[in-house]
Amino acid sequence: MNRENQLQAFERLLNIMDELREQCPWDKKQTLQTLRHLTIEETYELGDAILDNDLNEVKKELGDLLLHIVFYAKIGSETNDFDIADVCNEICEKLIHRHPHIYGDVKVENEEEVKQNWEKLKLKEGKKSVLEGVPRSLPALVKASRIQDKVKGVGFDWEEPHQVWDKVQEELQELQDEVKSGNQDKIEDEFGDVLFSMINYARFLNVNPEDALERTNKKFIKRFQYLESNANELGKPLMDMTLTEMDVFWNEAKKL
């Protein structure tokens, strides 16, 4: 598809949004606040489609997310705060400013130098902390990963993977010590440290911890549903089965 067709398709979406906002009772009632949780839901649905590598579903979910962006811009235009052109121009200017190695005379050797320059530019723009760009409402696991990635951009990081693994071992021992003491608050504190250090180690293994955990979630769900299905065929509720009986089907599921 050429650029003219792409622009026509985008204009078509903008026109439909105008019509819906004017004529549809539901669309007319929406605000930035009422759309917020729906946008978060759509983002997670896109994430699911990407993890499933379902490209047709990715296309559909991108459309849903694009609709929300257009919707927000439409609402902004009604209050004369911003419109879709402002949104597009804002991100264009940011991209140009933060890519001086493309649009300026800065030289970079690799991806890591690009990320370091990005964080330096943010601080020059007035940000007081490199962590300001980490959304407060991010899920804790994702937030930990982003925090670590951000501070790495300014050189605050371990030098070798074995140092991070040593830290994991240290945190595990501290957790075990607190488990023996029985202080629930300290146990939770140390458990958080273990998770944080494991997420840090994941970076050194080039593993996305969120993707890895979700992969395990999906694997567990499939195996457990196999167990449920076989129990139903036997006419025996799971609650009436022994762990040994369950393990037979669980091990079958692992082999599939």
Foldseek 3Di string as FASTA:
>chain_A
DDPVVVVVVVVVLLVVLVVCCPPPPVLVPDDPVVCVVVLVVLVVQLVVCVLVVPVVSNVVSVVVNVSVVQSHQVNCVVVPNHHPVRVVVVVVVLVLQLPCCVNNVDDDDDPLLSLLSNLVVVVVVPDPDLLPPQDPPDPPLVSLLVVQVSVVSNPPADDDLVVLVVQLVVLVVQLVVVVVVVDVVSNVVSVVSNSSSVSNSCVVVVHRVVSVVVVVVVLVVQLVVQLCVVCVVVVHDPVRDDPVVSVVSSVVSVVD
